Amino acid sequence: MKKAFLILFALFIGFNVFGQVGRNMNNRIPQTSREPSEQDIEKRDRMVKERKEKFIANFLTTLEADDFQKEIIKQHLNSFYDAKVGIFKTRFEHSIDRVTAVKNLEDTHFADLKDLISEGDMAKIKEMITGGFDEKEAEKKKKKKKKKKKNKKDKD
């Protein structure tokens, strides 16, 4: 009985080791990690900038402000996101300091806009900077508006 138990245990260990070694043998492609080149960094920065512009443009379509106000809001949003990126790139001793700096930025950056825009638009901006803006929903509404305008033109 002891011999059978030892043989079973040896087989179990053998298959276990074989399975682990076999798994490594199948993955023979060397995994290389390299530093991103200047072109990669520039490409990524360009993509991030384009994505930010698209996000802000989609958000501006949801506002009820006129074109002049939307342009001012766009400039404030761009400067807000640049300042926020600056905060995240800055080294802080404690993460609480970073959270406090971001909270302070969110509270004070749009203070001068309160006089220029409506309360509803200001509430939307506050919601957007805290992460509550649903871009997909805004794109759906934008498409519906375009479709309605196109149907209206076709009827006329």
Protein backbone atom coordinates (compact mmCIF):
# COMPACT_ATOMS: atom_id res chain seq x y z
CA MET A 1 0.00 0.00 0.00
CA LYS A 2 2.87 2.34 0.85
CA LYS A 3 4.58 1.60 -2.46
CA ALA A 4 1.40 2.34 -4.40
CA PHE A 5 0.94 5.59 -2.52
CA LEU A 6 4.56 6.63 -3.18
CA ILE A 7 4.29 5.74 -6.87
CA LEU A 8 1.05 7.76 -7.19
CA PHE A 9 2.64 10.69 -5.37
CA ALA A 10 5.74 10.52 -7.62
CA LEU A 11 3.56 10.40 -10.75
CA PHE A 12 1.51 13.35 -9.51
CA ILE A 13 4.64 15.44 -8.88
CA GLY A 14 6.12 14.36 -12.24
CA PHE A 15 3.05 15.39 -14.22
CA ASN A 16 2.89 18.66 -12.33
CA VAL A 17 6.50 19.51 -13.17
CA PHE A 18 6.07 18.39 -16.78
CA GLY A 19 3.00 20.59 -17.17
CA GLN A 20 4.81 23.66 -15.87
CA VAL A 21 7.88 23.10 -18.02
CA GLY A 22 5.72 22.35 -21.06
CA ARG A 23 3.81 25.59 -20.58
CA ASN A 24 7.08 27.52 -20.67
CA MET A 25 8.26 25.64 -23.75
CA ASN A 26 5.16 26.65 -25.73
CA ASN A 27 5.84 30.32 -25.03
CA ARG A 28 9.19 30.54 -26.78
CA ILE A 29 8.64 34.05 -28.16
CA PRO A 30 10.92 36.32 -26.17
CA GLN A 31 9.10 39.09 -24.35
CA THR A 32 11.04 42.28 -24.83
CA SER A 33 10.26 45.47 -23.05
CA ARG A 34 11.86 48.59 -24.40
CA GLU A 35 11.65 52.27 -23.72
CA PRO A 36 9.28 54.14 -26.04
CA SER A 37 11.03 56.08 -28.77
CA GLU A 38 10.54 59.79 -29.45
CA GLN A 39 8.14 58.91 -32.27
CA ASP A 40 6.07 56.71 -29.97
CA ILE A 41 5.87 59.46 -27.37
CA GLU A 42 4.88 62.07 -29.97
CA LYS A 43 2.28 59.74 -31.46
CA ARG A 44 0.78 59.05 -28.04
CA ASP A 45 0.72 62.75 -27.16
CA ARG A 46 -0.99 63.54 -30.48
CA MET A 47 -3.58 60.82 -29.90
CA VAL A 48 -4.27 62.06 -26.37
CA LYS A 49 -4.66 65.63 -27.62
CA GLU A 50 -7.06 64.57 -30.38
CA ARG A 51 -9.07 62.50 -27.90
CA LYS A 52 -9.26 65.42 -25.48
CA GLU A 53 -10.46 67.77 -28.25
CA LYS A 54 -13.13 65.28 -29.32
CA PHE A 55 -14.27 64.79 -25.71
CA ILE A 56 -14.56 68.54 -25.14
CA ALA A 57 -16.37 69.04 -28.46
CA ASN A 58 -18.89 66.34 -27.54
CA PHE A 59 -19.41 67.95 -24.15
CA LEU A 60 -19.92 71.40 -25.66
CA THR A 61 -22.78 70.09 -27.80
CA THR A 62 -24.74 69.34 -24.62
CA LEU A 63 -24.52 72.90 -23.32
CA GLU A 64 -27.17 75.54 -23.92
CA ALA A 65 -24.70 78.44 -24.20
CA ASP A 66 -24.09 80.50 -27.33
CA ASP A 67 -20.96 80.11 -29.48
CA PHE A 68 -18.96 82.81 -27.67
CA GLN A 69 -19.64 81.23 -24.29
CA LYS A 70 -18.82 77.78 -25.64
CA GLU A 71 -15.46 79.04 -26.90
CA ILE A 72 -14.64 80.48 -23.46
CA ILE A 73 -15.73 77.22 -21.79
CA LYS A 74 -13.57 75.28 -24.25
CA GLN A 75 -10.52 77.36 -23.35
CA HIS A 76 -11.20 76.90 -19.64
CA LEU A 77 -11.64 73.13 -20.06
CA ASN A 78 -8.37 72.86 -22.00
CA SER A 79 -6.49 74.83 -19.34
CA PHE A 80 -8.19 72.75 -16.62
CA TYR A 81 -7.07 69.47 -18.13
CA ASP A 82 -3.54 70.79 -18.71
CA ALA A 83 -3.36 71.89 -15.06
CA LYS A 84 -4.73 68.52 -13.92
CA VAL A 85 -2.11 66.66 -15.96
CA GLY A 86 0.51 68.93 -14.41
CA ILE A 87 -0.72 67.97 -10.96
CA PHE A 88 -0.56 64.27 -11.78
CA LYS A 89 2.98 64.63 -13.15
CA THR A 90 4.12 66.44 -10.01
CA ARG A 91 5.59 64.27 -7.28
CA PHE A 92 3.85 64.57 -3.92
CA GLU A 93 5.00 63.11 -0.64
CA HIS A 94 1.53 61.83 0.17
CA SER A 95 -1.33 60.88 -2.12
CA ILE A 96 -3.65 62.97 0.06
CA ASP A 97 -1.76 66.08 -1.08
CA ARG A 98 -2.47 65.20 -4.72
CA VAL A 99 -6.16 64.59 -3.99
CA THR A 100 -6.34 67.93 -2.19
CA ALA A 101 -4.64 69.73 -5.09
CA VAL A 102 -7.08 68.21 -7.62
CA LYS A 103 -10.07 69.06 -5.43
CA ASN A 104 -8.82 72.63 -5.06
CA LEU A 105 -8.38 72.89 -8.85
CA GLU A 106 -11.91 71.58 -9.44
CA ASP A 107 -13.36 74.07 -6.96
CA THR A 108 -11.51 77.19 -8.07
CA HIS A 109 -10.78 76.85 -11.79
CA PHE A 110 -14.29 77.58 -13.03
CA ALA A 111 -15.19 80.22 -10.43
CA ASP A 112 -15.00 83.11 -12.91
CA LEU A 113 -17.35 81.34 -15.32
CA LYS A 114 -20.25 81.42 -12.86
CA ASP A 115 -21.12 84.98 -13.91
CA LEU A 116 -20.94 84.23 -17.64
CA ILE A 117 -22.98 81.05 -18.02
CA SER A 118 -26.26 79.67 -16.72
CA GLU A 119 -26.54 77.56 -13.59
CA GLY A 120 -27.58 74.52 -15.61
CA ASP A 121 -24.45 74.70 -17.75
CA MET A 122 -22.31 75.25 -14.65
CA ALA A 123 -23.84 72.15 -13.08
CA LYS A 124 -23.03 70.19 -16.24
CA ILE A 125 -19.43 71.40 -16.11
CA LYS A 126 -19.12 70.39 -12.45
CA GLU A 127 -20.58 66.99 -13.29
CA MET A 128 -18.19 66.57 -16.21
CA ILE A 129 -15.02 67.46 -14.30
CA THR A 130 -15.92 65.01 -11.53
CA GLY A 131 -16.37 62.23 -14.09
CA GLY A 132 -20.15 62.12 -14.48
CA PHE A 133 -20.31 63.02 -18.19
CA ASP A 134 -21.44 60.16 -20.44
CA GLU A 135 -19.86 60.81 -23.82
CA LYS A 136 -21.68 57.98 -25.59
CA GLU A 137 -25.03 59.44 -24.58
CA ALA A 138 -23.96 62.85 -25.92
CA GLU A 139 -22.93 61.31 -29.24
CA LYS A 140 -26.30 59.56 -29.53
CA LYS A 141 -28.14 62.85 -28.96
CA LYS A 142 -25.89 64.58 -31.48
CA LYS A 143 -26.68 61.94 -34.11
CA LYS A 144 -30.41 62.24 -33.40
CA LYS A 145 -30.25 66.01 -33.89
CA LYS A 146 -28.44 65.59 -37.21
CA LYS A 147 -30.99 63.00 -38.30
CA LYS A 148 -33.90 65.28 -37.39
CA LYS A 149 -32.33 68.20 -39.30
CA LYS A 150 -31.75 65.99 -42.32
CA ASN A 151 -35.35 64.69 -42.22
CA LYS A 152 -36.63 68.26 -41.91
CA LYS A 153 -34.60 69.37 -44.95
CA ASP A 154 -35.82 66.38 -46.97
CA LYS A 155 -39.45 67.22 -46.16
CA ASP A 156 -39.01 70.85 -47.24
